[in-house]
Amino acid sequence: HGFLPARHNKARYLKMALRRSLTRMAAMERADVQPALKKLWKKYYKVDGQVTQHLSPFEQRIFGPLVKDFPQKTFKRITDFLTAAGPGLGLGIGIWLWADWKFSEISYHHRA
């Protein structure tokens, strides 16, 4: 008896003491890893949908693509904006200039 209290089940204590060992011994061998890489891939667990590759900061080009064709992109964006908003802006500015001219004409009409 020794270390076990009399009222407890010895089989239960033995099972609890060896439960982690039994799960490791019962684990299946991985078939997707070559035998030479077993130690290298020991802690790898396959997870669907998780990104497992990355670029080092030295491989990332953050600012380069922006500067490479900056004038062409700027010209394209300005022309796209002007073709979509140009007629409305032109009409609005034209009406504003005409209204300003007409207001001045009416204001100073009596002086002529």
C-alpha atoms as a PDB file:
ATOM      1  CA  HIS A   1       0.000   0.000   0.000  1.00  0.00           C
ATOM      2  CA  GLY A   2       2.468   2.585   1.179  1.00  0.00           C
ATOM      3  CA  PHE A   3       1.737   5.804  -0.716  1.00  0.00           C
ATOM      4  CA  LEU A   4      -1.955   5.168  -1.622  1.00  0.00           C
ATOM      5  CA  PRO A   5      -4.741   5.860   0.865  1.00  0.00           C
ATOM      6  CA  ALA A   6      -6.819   2.777   1.605  1.00  0.00           C
ATOM      7  CA  ARG A   7     -10.097   4.218   0.350  1.00  0.00           C
ATOM      8  CA  HIS A   8      -8.826   5.021  -3.194  1.00  0.00           C
ATOM      9  CA  ASN A   9      -8.655   2.722  -6.169  1.00  0.00           C
ATOM     10  CA  LYS A  10      -5.078   1.754  -7.139  1.00  0.00           C
ATOM     11  CA  ALA A  11      -6.017   1.227 -10.788  1.00  0.00           C
ATOM     12  CA  ARG A  12      -7.318   4.785 -11.037  1.00  0.00           C
ATOM     13  CA  TYR A  13      -4.043   6.232  -9.718  1.00  0.00           C
ATOM     14  CA  LEU A  14      -1.999   4.067 -12.061  1.00  0.00           C
ATOM     15  CA  LYS A  15      -4.150   5.117 -15.018  1.00  0.00           C
ATOM     16  CA  MET A  16      -3.799   8.827 -14.137  1.00  0.00           C
ATOM     17  CA  ALA A  17      -0.042   8.523 -13.692  1.00  0.00           C
ATOM     18  CA  LEU A  18       0.455   6.959 -17.132  1.00  0.00           C
ATOM     19  CA  ARG A  19      -2.223   8.744 -19.162  1.00  0.00           C
ATOM     20  CA  ARG A  20       0.191  11.080 -21.050  1.00  0.00           C
ATOM     21  CA  SER A  21       2.594   8.236 -21.769  1.00  0.00           C
ATOM     22  CA  LEU A  22      -0.184   6.078 -23.165  1.00  0.00           C
ATOM     23  CA  THR A  23      -1.363   8.800 -25.541  1.00  0.00           C
ATOM     24  CA  ARG A  24       2.136   9.350 -26.863  1.00  0.00           C
ATOM     25  CA  MET A  25       2.739   5.651 -27.336  1.00  0.00           C
ATOM     26  CA  ALA A  26      -0.586   5.265 -29.166  1.00  0.00           C
ATOM     27  CA  ALA A  27       0.085   8.162 -31.584  1.00  0.00           C
ATOM     28  CA  MET A  28       0.319   7.302 -35.259  1.00  0.00           C
ATOM     29  CA  GLU A  29       3.519   7.886 -37.240  1.00  0.00           C
ATOM     30  CA  ARG A  30       3.360  10.773 -39.674  1.00  0.00           C
ATOM     31  CA  ALA A  31       3.394   9.664 -43.289  1.00  0.00           C
ATOM     32  CA  ASP A  32       3.745  13.117 -44.852  1.00  0.00           C
ATOM     33  CA  VAL A  33       7.282  13.761 -43.512  1.00  0.00           C
ATOM     34  CA  GLN A  34      10.416  12.033 -44.766  1.00  0.00           C
ATOM     35  CA  PRO A  35      12.324  10.002 -42.172  1.00  0.00           C
ATOM     36  CA  ALA A  36      15.345  12.313 -42.421  1.00  0.00           C
ATOM     37  CA  LEU A  37      13.165  15.295 -41.469  1.00  0.00           C
ATOM     38  CA  LYS A  38      11.317  13.710 -38.535  1.00  0.00           C
ATOM     39  CA  LYS A  39      13.267  15.672 -35.935  1.00  0.00           C
ATOM     40  CA  LEU A  40      12.927  18.926 -37.902  1.00  0.00           C
ATOM     41  CA  TRP A  41       9.157  18.568 -38.293  1.00  0.00           C
ATOM     42  CA  LYS A  42       8.555  17.138 -34.832  1.00  0.00           C
ATOM     43  CA  LYS A  43       6.637  20.199 -33.570  1.00  0.00           C
ATOM     44  CA  TYR A  44       4.783  20.905 -36.843  1.00  0.00           C
ATOM     45  CA  TYR A  45       1.016  20.515 -36.721  1.00  0.00           C
ATOM     46  CA  LYS A  46      -0.967  20.803 -39.960  1.00  0.00           C
ATOM     47  CA  VAL A  47      -3.721  23.427 -39.736  1.00  0.00           C
ATOM     48  CA  ASP A  48      -6.034  24.049 -42.696  1.00  0.00           C
ATOM     49  CA  GLY A  49      -6.248  27.673 -43.810  1.00  0.00           C
ATOM     50  CA  GLN A  50      -3.332  28.948 -41.734  1.00  0.00           C
ATOM     51  CA  VAL A  51      -0.529  30.841 -43.450  1.00  0.00           C
ATOM     52  CA  THR A  52       2.746  29.094 -42.733  1.00  0.00           C
ATOM     53  CA  GLN A  53       5.081  30.994 -45.046  1.00  0.00           C
ATOM     54  CA  HIS A  54       6.328  34.550 -44.711  1.00  0.00           C
ATOM     55  CA  LEU A  55       8.797  36.970 -46.275  1.00  0.00           C
ATOM     56  CA  SER A  56      11.697  38.371 -44.378  1.00  0.00           C
ATOM     57  CA  PRO A  57      11.828  42.181 -44.104  1.00  0.00           C
ATOM     58  CA  PHE A  58      14.742  42.172 -46.548  1.00  0.00           C
ATOM     59  CA  GLU A  59      12.628  40.442 -49.210  1.00  0.00           C
ATOM     60  CA  GLN A  60       9.708  42.849 -48.926  1.00  0.00           C
ATOM     61  CA  ARG A  61       9.637  45.749 -51.333  1.00  0.00           C
ATOM     62  CA  ILE A  62       7.296  48.239 -49.736  1.00  0.00           C
ATOM     63  CA  PHE A  63       8.182  51.572 -51.321  1.00  0.00           C
ATOM     64  CA  GLY A  64       9.699  50.425 -54.630  1.00  0.00           C
ATOM     65  CA  PRO A  65       6.515  49.615 -56.585  1.00  0.00           C
ATOM     66  CA  LEU A  66       4.974  52.942 -55.553  1.00  0.00           C
ATOM     67  CA  VAL A  67       7.848  54.997 -56.964  1.00  0.00           C
ATOM     68  CA  LYS A  68       8.453  52.837 -60.027  1.00  0.00           C
ATOM     69  CA  ASP A  69       5.521  54.128 -62.078  1.00  0.00           C
ATOM     70  CA  PHE A  70       4.309  57.085 -60.002  1.00  0.00           C
ATOM     71  CA  PRO A  71       3.907  59.589 -62.907  1.00  0.00           C
ATOM     72  CA  GLN A  72       1.878  57.151 -65.014  1.00  0.00           C
ATOM     73  CA  LYS A  73      -0.414  56.239 -62.111  1.00  0.00           C
ATOM     74  CA  THR A  74      -0.907  59.898 -61.173  1.00  0.00           C
ATOM     75  CA  PHE A  75      -1.750  60.873 -64.754  1.00  0.00           C
ATOM     76  CA  LYS A  76      -4.181  57.950 -65.054  1.00  0.00           C
ATOM     77  CA  ARG A  77      -5.951  58.838 -61.806  1.00  0.00           C
ATOM     78  CA  ILE A  78      -6.265  62.513 -62.754  1.00  0.00           C
ATOM     79  CA  THR A  79      -7.660  61.712 -66.215  1.00  0.00           C
ATOM     80  CA  ASP A  80     -10.111  59.171 -64.755  1.00  0.00           C
ATOM     81  CA  PHE A  81     -11.264  61.739 -62.197  1.00  0.00           C
ATOM     82  CA  LEU A  82     -11.665  64.483 -64.781  1.00  0.00           C
ATOM     83  CA  THR A  83     -13.655  62.304 -67.184  1.00  0.00           C
ATOM     84  CA  ALA A  84     -16.061  61.379 -64.383  1.00  0.00           C
ATOM     85  CA  ALA A  85     -16.288  64.680 -62.476  1.00  0.00           C
ATOM     86  CA  GLY A  86     -15.123  67.162 -65.134  1.00  0.00           C
ATOM     87  CA  PRO A  87     -18.493  68.005 -66.737  1.00  0.00           C
ATOM     88  CA  GLY A  88     -20.150  68.613 -63.373  1.00  0.00           C
ATOM     89  CA  LEU A  89     -17.245  70.656 -62.060  1.00  0.00           C
ATOM     90  CA  GLY A  90     -17.078  72.675 -65.290  1.00  0.00           C
ATOM     91  CA  LEU A  91     -20.804  73.427 -65.204  1.00  0.00           C
ATOM     92  CA  GLY A  92     -20.673  74.386 -61.513  1.00  0.00           C
ATOM     93  CA  ILE A  93     -17.679  76.687 -61.951  1.00  0.00           C
ATOM     94  CA  GLY A  94     -19.242  78.205 -65.075  1.00  0.00           C
ATOM     95  CA  ILE A  95     -22.503  78.977 -63.258  1.00  0.00           C
ATOM     96  CA  TRP A  96     -20.573  80.456 -60.331  1.00  0.00           C
ATOM     97  CA  LEU A  97     -18.536  82.737 -62.620  1.00  0.00           C
ATOM     98  CA  TRP A  98     -21.663  83.795 -64.540  1.00  0.00           C
ATOM     99  CA  ALA A  99     -23.536  84.524 -61.270  1.00  0.00           C
ATOM    100  CA  ASP A 100     -20.601  86.582 -59.967  1.00  0.00           C
ATOM    101  CA  TRP A 101     -20.467  88.575 -63.220  1.00  0.00           C
ATOM    102  CA  LYS A 102     -24.256  89.074 -63.244  1.00  0.00           C
ATOM    103  CA  PHE A 103     -24.225  90.245 -59.611  1.00  0.00           C
ATOM    104  CA  SER A 104     -21.522  92.815 -60.429  1.00  0.00           C
ATOM    105  CA  GLU A 105     -23.461  93.990 -63.496  1.00  0.00           C
ATOM    106  CA  ILE A 106     -26.679  94.441 -61.528  1.00  0.00           C
ATOM    107  CA  SER A 107     -24.834  96.156 -58.676  1.00  0.00           C
ATOM    108  CA  TYR A 108     -23.202  98.778 -60.883  1.00  0.00           C
ATOM    109  CA  HIS A 109     -25.977  99.128 -63.516  1.00  0.00           C
ATOM    110  CA  HIS A 110     -27.330 102.340 -62.011  1.00  0.00           C
ATOM    111  CA  ARG A 111     -23.927 104.068 -62.303  1.00  0.00           C
ATOM    112  CA  ALA A 112     -23.721 103.880 -66.044  1.00  0.00           C
END
